[in-house]
C-alpha atoms as a PDB file:
ATOM      1  CA  MET A   1       5.373 -48.542 -16.721  1.00  0.00           C
ATOM      2  CA  LEU A   2       3.596 -45.754 -14.630  1.00  0.00           C
ATOM      3  CA  ALA A   3       5.599 -42.332 -14.382  1.00  0.00           C
ATOM      4  CA  LEU A   4       6.725 -41.548 -11.156  1.00  0.00           C
ATOM      5  CA  PRO A   5       5.299 -38.751  -9.264  1.00  0.00           C
ATOM      6  CA  PRO A   6       7.554 -35.601  -8.753  1.00  0.00           C
ATOM      7  CA  PRO A   7       9.366 -35.058  -5.647  1.00  0.00           C
ATOM      8  CA  SER A   8       7.703 -32.662  -3.183  1.00  0.00           C
ATOM      9  CA  LEU A   9       8.722 -29.428  -2.873  1.00  0.00           C
ATOM     10  CA  ILE A  10       9.872 -27.762   0.433  1.00  0.00           C
ATOM     11  CA  LEU A  11      10.682 -23.894   1.087  1.00  0.00           C
ATOM     12  CA  GLY A  12      12.988 -23.876   3.963  1.00  0.00           C
ATOM     13  CA  SER A  13      11.822 -20.695   5.057  1.00  0.00           C
ATOM     14  CA  THR A  14       8.881 -18.966   6.874  1.00  0.00           C
ATOM     15  CA  SER A  15       9.555 -15.639   4.866  1.00  0.00           C
ATOM     16  CA  ARG A  16       6.518 -14.323   3.428  1.00  0.00           C
ATOM     17  CA  TYR A  17       8.587 -12.235   0.504  1.00  0.00           C
ATOM     18  CA  ARG A  18      10.062 -15.729  -0.396  1.00  0.00           C
ATOM     19  CA  ARG A  19       7.047 -17.578  -0.248  1.00  0.00           C
ATOM     20  CA  GLU A  20       4.779 -14.787  -2.539  1.00  0.00           C
ATOM     21  CA  LEU A  21       8.031 -15.372  -4.936  1.00  0.00           C
ATOM     22  CA  LEU A  22       7.820 -18.947  -5.385  1.00  0.00           C
ATOM     23  CA  GLN A  23       4.137 -19.024  -5.566  1.00  0.00           C
ATOM     24  CA  ARG A  24       4.914 -17.344  -9.021  1.00  0.00           C
ATOM     25  CA  LEU A  25       6.226 -20.510 -10.093  1.00  0.00           C
ATOM     26  CA  ARG A  26       2.785 -22.561  -9.712  1.00  0.00           C
ATOM     27  CA  LEU A  27       4.440 -25.339  -8.301  1.00  0.00           C
ATOM     28  CA  PRO A  28       2.692 -26.940  -4.688  1.00  0.00           C
ATOM     29  CA  PHE A  29       5.222 -26.606  -1.856  1.00  0.00           C
ATOM     30  CA  ASP A  30       5.215 -26.435   1.864  1.00  0.00           C
ATOM     31  CA  SER A  31       7.169 -23.961   3.820  1.00  0.00           C
ATOM     32  CA  VAL A  32       9.183 -25.307   6.766  1.00  0.00           C
ATOM     33  CA  SER A  33      11.178 -23.047   9.483  1.00  0.00           C
ATOM     34  CA  PRO A  34      14.829 -24.201   8.937  1.00  0.00           C
ATOM     35  CA  GLU A  35      15.879 -23.287  12.685  1.00  0.00           C
ATOM     36  CA  VAL A  36      19.868 -22.148  11.579  1.00  0.00           C
ATOM     37  CA  ASP A  37      21.753 -19.350  13.639  1.00  0.00           C
ATOM     38  CA  GLU A  38      22.026 -16.653  11.150  1.00  0.00           C
ATOM     39  CA  SER A  39      25.353 -15.270  12.828  1.00  0.00           C
ATOM     40  CA  PRO A  40      28.123 -14.619  10.833  1.00  0.00           C
ATOM     41  CA  LEU A  41      31.267 -16.198  11.353  1.00  0.00           C
ATOM     42  CA  PRO A  42      34.424 -13.971  12.458  1.00  0.00           C
ATOM     43  CA  GLY A  43      35.636 -12.511   9.372  1.00  0.00           C
ATOM     44  CA  GLU A  44      33.380 -13.999   6.839  1.00  0.00           C
ATOM     45  CA  ALA A  45      32.337 -12.036   3.768  1.00  0.00           C
ATOM     46  CA  PRO A  46      28.955 -11.172   3.007  1.00  0.00           C
ATOM     47  CA  ALA A  47      28.784 -13.414  -0.243  1.00  0.00           C
ATOM     48  CA  ALA A  48      30.201 -16.417   1.751  1.00  0.00           C
ATOM     49  CA  LEU A  49      28.101 -16.105   4.540  1.00  0.00           C
ATOM     50  CA  ALA A  50      24.835 -15.784   2.119  1.00  0.00           C
ATOM     51  CA  LEU A  51      25.854 -19.011   0.381  1.00  0.00           C
ATOM     52  CA  ARG A  52      26.452 -20.544   3.765  1.00  0.00           C
ATOM     53  CA  LEU A  53      23.364 -19.857   5.301  1.00  0.00           C
ATOM     54  CA  ALA A  54      21.263 -20.874   2.067  1.00  0.00           C
ATOM     55  CA  LEU A  55      23.043 -24.277   2.054  1.00  0.00           C
ATOM     56  CA  ALA A  56      22.503 -24.636   6.022  1.00  0.00           C
ATOM     57  CA  LYS A  57      18.962 -23.837   5.804  1.00  0.00           C
ATOM     58  CA  ALA A  58      18.430 -26.490   2.783  1.00  0.00           C
ATOM     59  CA  ARG A  59      20.493 -29.012   4.487  1.00  0.00           C
ATOM     60  CA  ALA A  60      18.881 -28.529   7.825  1.00  0.00           C
ATOM     61  CA  VAL A  61      15.124 -29.072   6.225  1.00  0.00           C
ATOM     62  CA  SER A  62      16.430 -31.934   4.110  1.00  0.00           C
ATOM     63  CA  ARG A  63      17.274 -33.968   6.982  1.00  0.00           C
ATOM     64  CA  LEU A  64      13.768 -33.916   8.094  1.00  0.00           C
ATOM     65  CA  HIS A  65      12.606 -34.422   4.837  1.00  0.00           C
ATOM     66  CA  PRO A  66      15.082 -36.581   2.657  1.00  0.00           C
ATOM     67  CA  GLN A  67      12.639 -37.442  -0.146  1.00  0.00           C
ATOM     68  CA  ALA A  68      11.743 -33.624  -0.951  1.00  0.00           C
ATOM     69  CA  VAL A  69      13.537 -31.192  -2.838  1.00  0.00           C
ATOM     70  CA  VAL A  70      14.248 -28.275  -0.418  1.00  0.00           C
ATOM     71  CA  ILE A  71      15.091 -24.430  -1.102  1.00  0.00           C
ATOM     72  CA  GLY A  72      17.226 -22.523   1.161  1.00  0.00           C
ATOM     73  CA  SER A  73      17.724 -19.014   0.536  1.00  0.00           C
ATOM     74  CA  ASP A  74      19.690 -16.208   2.230  1.00  0.00           C
ATOM     75  CA  GLN A  75      20.254 -12.429   1.912  1.00  0.00           C
ATOM     76  CA  VAL A  76      23.184 -10.140   3.067  1.00  0.00           C
ATOM     77  CA  ALA A  77      23.704  -6.649   2.110  1.00  0.00           C
ATOM     78  CA  ASP A  78      27.237  -5.899   1.492  1.00  0.00           C
ATOM     79  CA  VAL A  79      28.382  -2.517   2.983  1.00  0.00           C
ATOM     80  CA  ASP A  80      32.081  -2.029   2.087  1.00  0.00           C
ATOM     81  CA  GLY A  81      32.615  -5.475   2.790  1.00  0.00           C
ATOM     82  CA  GLU A  82      30.850  -6.001   5.976  1.00  0.00           C
ATOM     83  CA  PRO A  83      27.568  -8.038   6.340  1.00  0.00           C
ATOM     84  CA  MET A  84      24.454  -5.962   7.248  1.00  0.00           C
ATOM     85  CA  GLY A  85      21.391  -7.610   8.179  1.00  0.00           C
ATOM     86  CA  LYS A  86      18.045  -7.142   9.158  1.00  0.00           C
ATOM     87  CA  PRO A  87      17.413  -4.178  11.215  1.00  0.00           C
ATOM     88  CA  GLY A  88      14.835  -5.610  13.766  1.00  0.00           C
ATOM     89  CA  THR A  89      14.269  -1.779  15.163  1.00  0.00           C
ATOM     90  CA  HIS A  90      13.302   1.461  13.825  1.00  0.00           C
ATOM     91  CA  GLU A  91      16.647   2.847  15.400  1.00  0.00           C
ATOM     92  CA  ARG A  92      18.887   0.297  13.539  1.00  0.00           C
ATOM     93  CA  ALA A  93      17.129   0.566  10.288  1.00  0.00           C
ATOM     94  CA  VAL A  94      17.643   4.522  10.866  1.00  0.00           C
ATOM     95  CA  THR A  95      21.461   3.930  10.899  1.00  0.00           C
ATOM     96  CA  GLN A  96      21.342   1.379   8.293  1.00  0.00           C
ATOM     97  CA  LEU A  97      19.774   4.001   5.648  1.00  0.00           C
ATOM     98  CA  ARG A  98      22.197   6.753   6.816  1.00  0.00           C
ATOM     99  CA  ARG A  99      24.947   4.683   6.291  1.00  0.00           C
ATOM    100  CA  MET A 100      23.744   3.631   2.750  1.00  0.00           C
ATOM    101  CA  SER A 101      22.590   7.239   1.758  1.00  0.00           C
ATOM    102  CA  GLY A 102      24.441   8.073  -1.392  1.00  0.00           C
ATOM    103  CA  GLN A 103      26.313   4.677  -1.680  1.00  0.00           C
ATOM    104  CA  THR A 104      26.260   1.855  -4.052  1.00  0.00           C
ATOM    105  CA  ILE A 105      25.465  -1.209  -1.681  1.00  0.00           C
ATOM    106  CA  VAL A 106      25.557  -5.056  -3.031  1.00  0.00           C
ATOM    107  CA  PHE A 107      23.013  -7.568  -1.841  1.00  0.00           C
ATOM    108  CA  GLN A 108      24.086 -10.884  -1.872  1.00  0.00           C
ATOM    109  CA  THR A 109      21.203 -13.220  -2.515  1.00  0.00           C
ATOM    110  CA  ALA A 110      21.988 -16.950  -2.347  1.00  0.00           C
ATOM    111  CA  VAL A 111      19.696 -19.515  -3.083  1.00  0.00           C
ATOM    112  CA  ALA A 112      20.347 -23.267  -2.384  1.00  0.00           C
ATOM    113  CA  VAL A 113      18.719 -26.639  -3.261  1.00  0.00           C
ATOM    114  CA  VAL A 114      18.888 -29.796  -1.817  1.00  0.00           C
ATOM    115  CA  ARG A 115      17.456 -33.439  -2.299  1.00  0.00           C
ATOM    116  CA  ALA A 116      18.953 -35.628  -0.025  1.00  0.00           C
ATOM    117  CA  ASN A 117      17.492 -38.742  -1.338  1.00  0.00           C
ATOM    118  CA  THR A 118      19.418 -38.464  -4.644  1.00  0.00           C
ATOM    119  CA  GLY A 119      22.543 -36.966  -3.438  1.00  0.00           C
ATOM    120  CA  PHE A 120      22.110 -33.592  -4.806  1.00  0.00           C
ATOM    121  CA  GLU A 121      23.079 -30.266  -3.451  1.00  0.00           C
ATOM    122  CA  ALA A 122      23.900 -26.922  -5.154  1.00  0.00           C
ATOM    123  CA  ALA A 123      23.852 -23.235  -4.436  1.00  0.00           C
ATOM    124  CA  GLU A 124      24.005 -20.018  -6.532  1.00  0.00           C
ATOM    125  CA  LEU A 125      24.720 -16.538  -5.777  1.00  0.00           C
ATOM    126  CA  ALA A 126      23.026 -13.584  -7.273  1.00  0.00           C
ATOM    127  CA  SER A 127      24.579 -10.428  -6.858  1.00  0.00           C
ATOM    128  CA  VAL A 128      22.660  -7.038  -7.092  1.00  0.00           C
ATOM    129  CA  LYS A 129      23.987  -3.579  -7.011  1.00  0.00           C
ATOM    130  CA  VAL A 130      21.781  -0.763  -5.783  1.00  0.00           C
ATOM    131  CA  ARG A 131      22.409   2.654  -5.718  1.00  0.00           C
ATOM    132  CA  PHE A 132      20.749   4.749  -2.662  1.00  0.00           C
ATOM    133  CA  ARG A 133      20.028   8.563  -3.414  1.00  0.00           C
ATOM    134  CA  THR A 134      21.310  10.759  -0.979  1.00  0.00           C
ATOM    135  CA  LEU A 135      18.796  10.473   1.584  1.00  0.00           C
ATOM    136  CA  GLU A 136      17.666  13.349   4.090  1.00  0.00           C
ATOM    137  CA  ASP A 137      16.703  12.453   7.588  1.00  0.00           C
ATOM    138  CA  ALA A 138      12.991  13.563   7.091  1.00  0.00           C
ATOM    139  CA  GLU A 139      12.906  11.087   4.083  1.00  0.00           C
ATOM    140  CA  ILE A 140      14.268   8.434   6.042  1.00  0.00           C
ATOM    141  CA  GLU A 141      11.919   8.921   9.051  1.00  0.00           C
ATOM    142  CA  ARG A 142       8.834   9.242   6.808  1.00  0.00           C
ATOM    143  CA  TYR A 143       9.682   6.041   4.822  1.00  0.00           C
ATOM    144  CA  LEU A 144      10.471   3.822   7.756  1.00  0.00           C
ATOM    145  CA  ARG A 145       6.981   5.167   9.547  1.00  0.00           C
ATOM    146  CA  LEU A 146       5.104   4.225   6.473  1.00  0.00           C
ATOM    147  CA  GLU A 147       6.732   0.899   5.671  1.00  0.00           C
ATOM    148  CA  GLN A 148       8.379  -0.396   8.666  1.00  0.00           C
ATOM    149  CA  PRO A 149      10.790  -2.700   6.961  1.00  0.00           C
ATOM    150  CA  TYR A 150      12.380  -3.841   9.725  1.00  0.00           C
ATOM    151  CA  ASP A 151      12.381  -7.544   8.578  1.00  0.00           C
ATOM    152  CA  CYS A 152      14.215  -6.607   5.085  1.00  0.00           C
ATOM    153  CA  ALA A 153      18.350  -6.969   4.924  1.00  0.00           C
ATOM    154  CA  GLY A 154      19.287  -3.266   4.389  1.00  0.00           C
ATOM    155  CA  SER A 155      15.980  -1.694   5.780  1.00  0.00           C
ATOM    156  CA  ALA A 156      14.279  -1.178   2.467  1.00  0.00           C
ATOM    157  CA  LYS A 157      11.519  -2.791   0.092  1.00  0.00           C
ATOM    158  CA  CYS A 158      12.446  -2.187  -3.430  1.00  0.00           C
ATOM    159  CA  GLU A 159       9.098  -4.060  -4.785  1.00  0.00           C
ATOM    160  CA  THR A 160       7.223  -1.273  -2.578  1.00  0.00           C
ATOM    161  CA  LEU A 161       7.288   2.221  -1.656  1.00  0.00           C
ATOM    162  CA  GLY A 162      11.549   1.859  -0.639  1.00  0.00           C
ATOM    163  CA  ILE A 163      12.108   1.904  -4.483  1.00  0.00           C
ATOM    164  CA  ALA A 164      11.615   5.633  -3.829  1.00  0.00           C
ATOM    165  CA  LEU A 165      14.811   5.723  -1.899  1.00  0.00           C
ATOM    166  CA  LEU A 166      16.961   4.370  -5.092  1.00  0.00           C
ATOM    167  CA  SER A 167      18.684   5.639  -8.011  1.00  0.00           C
ATOM    168  CA  ALA A 168      19.377   2.543  -9.872  1.00  0.00           C
ATOM    169  CA  ILE A 169      19.514  -1.175  -9.495  1.00  0.00           C
ATOM    170  CA  GLU A 170      21.607  -3.656 -11.557  1.00  0.00           C
ATOM    171  CA  SER A 171      20.789  -7.299 -11.481  1.00  0.00           C
ATOM    172  CA  ASP A 172      20.679 -10.253 -14.042  1.00  0.00           C
ATOM    173  CA  ASP A 173      17.862 -12.397 -11.879  1.00  0.00           C
ATOM    174  CA  PRO A 174      15.002  -9.596 -11.197  1.00  0.00           C
ATOM    175  CA  THR A 175      13.449 -11.022  -8.118  1.00  0.00           C
ATOM    176  CA  ALA A 176      16.948 -11.852  -6.134  1.00  0.00           C
ATOM    177  CA  LEU A 177      16.565  -8.048  -4.216  1.00  0.00           C
ATOM    178  CA  ILE A 178      13.017  -9.052  -2.901  1.00  0.00           C
ATOM    179  CA  GLY A 179      14.742 -12.102  -1.569  1.00  0.00           C
ATOM    180  CA  LEU A 180      14.880 -15.334  -3.914  1.00  0.00           C
ATOM    181  CA  PRO A 181      16.386 -15.186  -7.259  1.00  0.00           C
ATOM    182  CA  LEU A 182      13.656 -17.017  -9.354  1.00  0.00           C
ATOM    183  CA  ILE A 183      15.896 -17.565 -12.533  1.00  0.00           C
ATOM    184  CA  ARG A 184      18.552 -19.491 -10.764  1.00  0.00           C
ATOM    185  CA  THR A 185      15.877 -21.358  -8.293  1.00  0.00           C
ATOM    186  CA  CYS A 186      14.524 -22.506 -11.509  1.00  0.00           C
ATOM    187  CA  ALA A 187      17.507 -23.871 -13.093  1.00  0.00           C
ATOM    188  CA  LEU A 188      18.646 -25.622  -9.774  1.00  0.00           C
ATOM    189  CA  LEU A 189      15.277 -27.185  -9.534  1.00  0.00           C
ATOM    190  CA  ARG A 190      15.605 -28.309 -12.993  1.00  0.00           C
ATOM    191  CA  ALA A 191      18.955 -29.877 -12.269  1.00  0.00           C
ATOM    192  CA  ALA A 192      17.479 -31.479  -8.894  1.00  0.00           C
ATOM    193  CA  GLY A 193      14.622 -33.165 -11.130  1.00  0.00           C
ATOM    194  CA  LEU A 194      12.084 -30.947 -10.899  1.00  0.00           C
ATOM    195  CA  ASP A 195      11.161 -28.792 -13.815  1.00  0.00           C
ATOM    196  CA  PRO A 196       8.634 -25.844 -13.126  1.00  0.00           C
ATOM    197  CA  LEU A 197       7.572 -25.843 -16.588  1.00  0.00           C
ATOM    198  CA  GLN A 198       6.577 -29.295 -16.521  1.00  0.00           C
ATOM    199  CA  GLU A 199       5.032 -29.681 -12.974  1.00  0.00           C
ATOM    200  CA  ALA A 200       3.353 -26.213 -12.568  1.00  0.00           C
ATOM    201  CA  GLN A 201      -0.427 -25.910 -12.033  1.00  0.00           C
END
């Protein structure tokens, strides 16, 4: 009896950061925009928002591709219990970094995997504690002009120059802060029937 081919894999995101991270697993995959409204619900906690959006993104793409294994992910910065998303503009990024200066911020990164044809659906949350240095306005301005991290939750890219804004990172899943917790992603893919070590190319 011939072995069945592995299911196709789809990343429900057009984020270049998540694409680059998923490429580390050496699995062939496509990227599809999930077209999901990312607005928080009234009073929604950051962790709940990240989990809800990760699942919503995976489900939205899975409805179009029911035979595929679909990954959805979302990240929300938790600042004193309030969600902080992507700044979008220089001015908002300045405001975000000023607010986080000298503070410990929890970045809630959620990943969900959905495989509609088997009924599989699961999500995991990776919480990352990030301690920001006390930042001078001139440091904030120089960093933002150099890196322009306006598409990153919390206005800082830890994988590049943004690391200079920080004094500590605490995480049990080292890629979570960049946008996709690969340890949890691998576990969910295995549970969904797609083992990265078996299918890597």
